[in-house]
Amino acid sequence: MTLNNRAEDLGAALLKLEAFLERTDTSPKLGYAIQLVFEELVTNIIKYGYDDQDLHQIHADISLGPPTVLTIEDDGHPYDPTTQAEEVDTLAPQEERQIGGLGLHLVRAQTTSMRYARTARLNRLELVFAE
């Protein structure tokens, strides 16, 4: 799937992803995890990946497993989420928590591994899901 770096394109992509998952034997739990991770990561790319107002394409590919692998590529700023943001202490009182990082915490909680590479001016993130 390919979408532009616009919020309205994300909504259409989520509907397309949901329809695809419903046509497969994907369990509801795995389907929810895939959609949550996809939405969080693509939202971050759209919000923080670009300094200009130009259209940029974000590519996503899913390979149903086991293991299920979601790959997302974009030409935004280099950003390696596997080394960013410390673990979030979800047990700490809200006023003591640092701002940010909760989205990546959710992504990590839904996946078994994440691999990042920056090649040919593209961010490439592969996420493996538990079955």
C-alpha atoms as a PDB file:
ATOM      1  CA  MET A   1       0.000   0.000   0.000  1.00  0.00           C
ATOM      2  CA  THR A   2       1.197   3.502  -0.755  1.00  0.00           C
ATOM      3  CA  LEU A   3      -0.193   6.666   0.781  1.00  0.00           C
ATOM      4  CA  ASN A   4       0.729  10.326   0.818  1.00  0.00           C
ATOM      5  CA  ASN A   5       1.898  12.112   3.946  1.00  0.00           C
ATOM      6  CA  ARG A   6      -1.528  13.635   4.618  1.00  0.00           C
ATOM      7  CA  ALA A   7      -3.835  12.894   7.558  1.00  0.00           C
ATOM      8  CA  GLU A   8      -6.766  12.281   5.223  1.00  0.00           C
ATOM      9  CA  ASP A   9      -4.760   9.642   3.368  1.00  0.00           C
ATOM     10  CA  LEU A  10      -4.080   7.868   6.664  1.00  0.00           C
ATOM     11  CA  GLY A  11      -7.806   7.414   7.280  1.00  0.00           C
ATOM     12  CA  ALA A  12      -8.304   5.827   3.859  1.00  0.00           C
ATOM     13  CA  ALA A  13      -5.244   3.598   4.365  1.00  0.00           C
ATOM     14  CA  LEU A  14      -6.579   2.384   7.720  1.00  0.00           C
ATOM     15  CA  LEU A  15      -9.888   1.419   6.101  1.00  0.00           C
ATOM     16  CA  LYS A  16      -8.007  -0.422   3.358  1.00  0.00           C
ATOM     17  CA  LEU A  17      -5.853  -2.244   5.923  1.00  0.00           C
ATOM     18  CA  GLU A  18      -8.889  -3.202   7.992  1.00  0.00           C
ATOM     19  CA  ALA A  19     -10.695  -4.579   4.919  1.00  0.00           C
ATOM     20  CA  PHE A  20      -7.597  -6.591   3.954  1.00  0.00           C
ATOM     21  CA  LEU A  21      -7.272  -8.097   7.427  1.00  0.00           C
ATOM     22  CA  GLU A  22     -10.967  -9.025   7.493  1.00  0.00           C
ATOM     23  CA  ARG A  23     -10.528 -10.990   4.234  1.00  0.00           C
ATOM     24  CA  THR A  24      -7.745 -13.102   5.766  1.00  0.00           C
ATOM     25  CA  ASP A  25      -7.575 -15.557   8.640  1.00  0.00           C
ATOM     26  CA  THR A  26      -5.971 -12.915  10.840  1.00  0.00           C
ATOM     27  CA  SER A  27      -7.175 -13.168  14.432  1.00  0.00           C
ATOM     28  CA  PRO A  28      -8.945 -10.125  15.865  1.00  0.00           C
ATOM     29  CA  LYS A  29      -6.112  -9.677  18.397  1.00  0.00           C
ATOM     30  CA  LEU A  30      -3.409  -9.679  15.719  1.00  0.00           C
ATOM     31  CA  GLY A  31      -5.502  -7.481  13.430  1.00  0.00           C
ATOM     32  CA  TYR A  32      -5.930  -4.927  16.198  1.00  0.00           C
ATOM     33  CA  ALA A  33      -2.173  -4.934  16.921  1.00  0.00           C
ATOM     34  CA  ILE A  34      -1.299  -4.422  13.246  1.00  0.00           C
ATOM     35  CA  GLN A  35      -3.750  -1.549  12.868  1.00  0.00           C
ATOM     36  CA  LEU A  36      -2.610   0.126  16.105  1.00  0.00           C
ATOM     37  CA  VAL A  37       1.069  -0.064  15.160  1.00  0.00           C
ATOM     38  CA  PHE A  38       0.420   1.078  11.585  1.00  0.00           C
ATOM     39  CA  GLU A  39      -1.625   4.080  12.726  1.00  0.00           C
ATOM     40  CA  GLU A  40       0.883   5.144  15.387  1.00  0.00           C
ATOM     41  CA  LEU A  41       3.922   4.939  13.129  1.00  0.00           C
ATOM     42  CA  VAL A  42       2.361   6.525  10.058  1.00  0.00           C
ATOM     43  CA  THR A  43       0.897   9.324  12.193  1.00  0.00           C
ATOM     44  CA  ASN A  44       4.394  10.033  13.522  1.00  0.00           C
ATOM     45  CA  ILE A  45       5.844  10.053  10.002  1.00  0.00           C
ATOM     46  CA  ILE A  46       3.173  12.492   8.815  1.00  0.00           C
ATOM     47  CA  LYS A  47       3.529  14.791  11.851  1.00  0.00           C
ATOM     48  CA  TYR A  48       7.299  14.784  12.328  1.00  0.00           C
ATOM     49  CA  GLY A  49       8.969  13.333   9.245  1.00  0.00           C
ATOM     50  CA  TYR A  50       8.946  16.336   6.943  1.00  0.00           C
ATOM     51  CA  ASP A  51       9.766  20.048   7.112  1.00  0.00           C
ATOM     52  CA  ASP A  52       8.089  20.941   3.827  1.00  0.00           C
ATOM     53  CA  GLN A  53       4.504  20.920   2.563  1.00  0.00           C
ATOM     54  CA  ASP A  54       5.338  18.716  -0.435  1.00  0.00           C
ATOM     55  CA  LEU A  55       3.666  15.388  -1.039  1.00  0.00           C
ATOM     56  CA  HIS A  56       5.769  12.440   0.040  1.00  0.00           C
ATOM     57  CA  GLN A  57       4.889   8.797  -0.296  1.00  0.00           C
ATOM     58  CA  ILE A  58       4.831   6.317   2.540  1.00  0.00           C
ATOM     59  CA  HIS A  59       4.947   2.654   1.560  1.00  0.00           C
ATOM     60  CA  ALA A  60       3.644  -0.173   3.722  1.00  0.00           C
ATOM     61  CA  ASP A  61       3.757  -3.889   3.111  1.00  0.00           C
ATOM     62  CA  ILE A  62       2.391  -6.677   5.240  1.00  0.00           C
ATOM     63  CA  SER A  63       3.388 -10.304   5.059  1.00  0.00           C
ATOM     64  CA  LEU A  64       1.045 -12.532   7.016  1.00  0.00           C
ATOM     65  CA  GLY A  65       2.926 -15.181   8.873  1.00  0.00           C
ATOM     66  CA  PRO A  66       3.775 -16.739  10.935  1.00  0.00           C
ATOM     67  CA  PRO A  67       5.504 -14.528  11.657  1.00  0.00           C
ATOM     68  CA  THR A  68       3.537 -11.522  10.464  1.00  0.00           C
ATOM     69  CA  VAL A  69       5.826  -8.709   9.319  1.00  0.00           C
ATOM     70  CA  LEU A  70       4.840  -5.102   8.653  1.00  0.00           C
ATOM     71  CA  THR A  71       7.348  -3.005   6.716  1.00  0.00           C
ATOM     72  CA  ILE A  72       7.034   0.778   6.460  1.00  0.00           C
ATOM     73  CA  GLU A  73       9.248   2.955   4.264  1.00  0.00           C
ATOM     74  CA  ASP A  74       9.356   6.729   4.012  1.00  0.00           C
ATOM     75  CA  ASP A  75      11.705   9.437   2.774  1.00  0.00           C
ATOM     76  CA  GLY A  76      11.353  11.617   5.857  1.00  0.00           C
ATOM     77  CA  HIS A  77      14.047  12.676   8.287  1.00  0.00           C
ATOM     78  CA  PRO A  78      16.274   9.829   9.445  1.00  0.00           C
ATOM     79  CA  TYR A  79      14.636   8.387  12.541  1.00  0.00           C
ATOM     80  CA  ASP A  80      15.424   5.098  14.205  1.00  0.00           C
ATOM     81  CA  PRO A  81      12.642   4.256  16.654  1.00  0.00           C
ATOM     82  CA  THR A  82      14.543   1.194  17.856  1.00  0.00           C
ATOM     83  CA  THR A  83      17.063   3.454  19.619  1.00  0.00           C
ATOM     84  CA  GLN A  84      14.779   6.350  20.517  1.00  0.00           C
ATOM     85  CA  ALA A  85      12.749   7.032  23.628  1.00  0.00           C
ATOM     86  CA  GLU A  86      13.420   5.364  26.886  1.00  0.00           C
ATOM     87  CA  GLU A  87      10.957   2.858  28.242  1.00  0.00           C
ATOM     88  CA  VAL A  88       7.878   4.516  29.676  1.00  0.00           C
ATOM     89  CA  ASP A  89       7.137   3.894  33.335  1.00  0.00           C
ATOM     90  CA  THR A  90       3.408   3.319  33.008  1.00  0.00           C
ATOM     91  CA  LEU A  91       3.122   2.796  36.766  1.00  0.00           C
ATOM     92  CA  ALA A  92       4.461   6.262  37.648  1.00  0.00           C
ATOM     93  CA  PRO A  93       1.932   8.987  38.378  1.00  0.00           C
ATOM     94  CA  GLN A  94       1.025  10.952  35.257  1.00  0.00           C
ATOM     95  CA  GLU A  95       2.515  14.205  36.578  1.00  0.00           C
ATOM     96  CA  GLU A  96       5.892  12.455  37.014  1.00  0.00           C
ATOM     97  CA  ARG A  97       6.046  11.013  33.494  1.00  0.00           C
ATOM     98  CA  GLN A  98       7.954  12.682  30.692  1.00  0.00           C
ATOM     99  CA  ILE A  99       5.981  13.880  27.690  1.00  0.00           C
ATOM    100  CA  GLY A 100       6.201  11.597  24.666  1.00  0.00           C
ATOM    101  CA  GLY A 101       7.295   8.041  24.148  1.00  0.00           C
ATOM    102  CA  LEU A 102       3.983   6.378  24.924  1.00  0.00           C
ATOM    103  CA  GLY A 103       3.270   5.646  21.249  1.00  0.00           C
ATOM    104  CA  LEU A 104       6.559   3.808  20.806  1.00  0.00           C
ATOM    105  CA  HIS A 105       5.893   2.018  24.078  1.00  0.00           C
ATOM    106  CA  LEU A 106       2.618   0.737  22.591  1.00  0.00           C
ATOM    107  CA  VAL A 107       4.390  -0.292  19.386  1.00  0.00           C
ATOM    108  CA  ARG A 108       7.012  -2.237  21.342  1.00  0.00           C
ATOM    109  CA  ALA A 109       4.314  -3.914  23.421  1.00  0.00           C
ATOM    110  CA  GLN A 110       2.546  -5.158  20.270  1.00  0.00           C
ATOM    111  CA  THR A 111       5.619  -6.466  18.432  1.00  0.00           C
ATOM    112  CA  THR A 112       8.303  -9.040  19.104  1.00  0.00           C
ATOM    113  CA  SER A 113      11.031  -7.220  17.198  1.00  0.00           C
ATOM    114  CA  MET A 114      11.748  -4.042  15.261  1.00  0.00           C
ATOM    115  CA  ARG A 115      14.533  -3.589  12.714  1.00  0.00           C
ATOM    116  CA  TYR A 116      15.457  -0.194  11.258  1.00  0.00           C
ATOM    117  CA  ALA A 117      17.686   0.711   8.327  1.00  0.00           C
ATOM    118  CA  ARG A 118      18.373   3.964   6.485  1.00  0.00           C
ATOM    119  CA  THR A 119      19.336   3.259   2.888  1.00  0.00           C
ATOM    120  CA  ALA A 120      19.088   5.312  -0.283  1.00  0.00           C
ATOM    121  CA  ARG A 121      17.572   8.194   1.740  1.00  0.00           C
ATOM    122  CA  LEU A 122      14.728   5.989   2.955  1.00  0.00           C
ATOM    123  CA  ASN A 123      13.731   4.953   6.459  1.00  0.00           C
ATOM    124  CA  ARG A 124      12.807   1.277   6.489  1.00  0.00           C
ATOM    125  CA  LEU A 125      11.229  -0.224   9.580  1.00  0.00           C
ATOM    126  CA  GLU A 126      10.334  -3.905   9.846  1.00  0.00           C
ATOM    127  CA  LEU A 127       8.077  -4.971  12.677  1.00  0.00           C
ATOM    128  CA  VAL A 128       7.442  -8.583  13.614  1.00  0.00           C
ATOM    129  CA  PHE A 129       4.235  -9.505  15.454  1.00  0.00           C
ATOM    130  CA  ALA A 130       3.557 -12.355  17.838  1.00  0.00           C
ATOM    131  CA  GLU A 131       1.003 -14.782  16.403  1.00  0.00           C
END
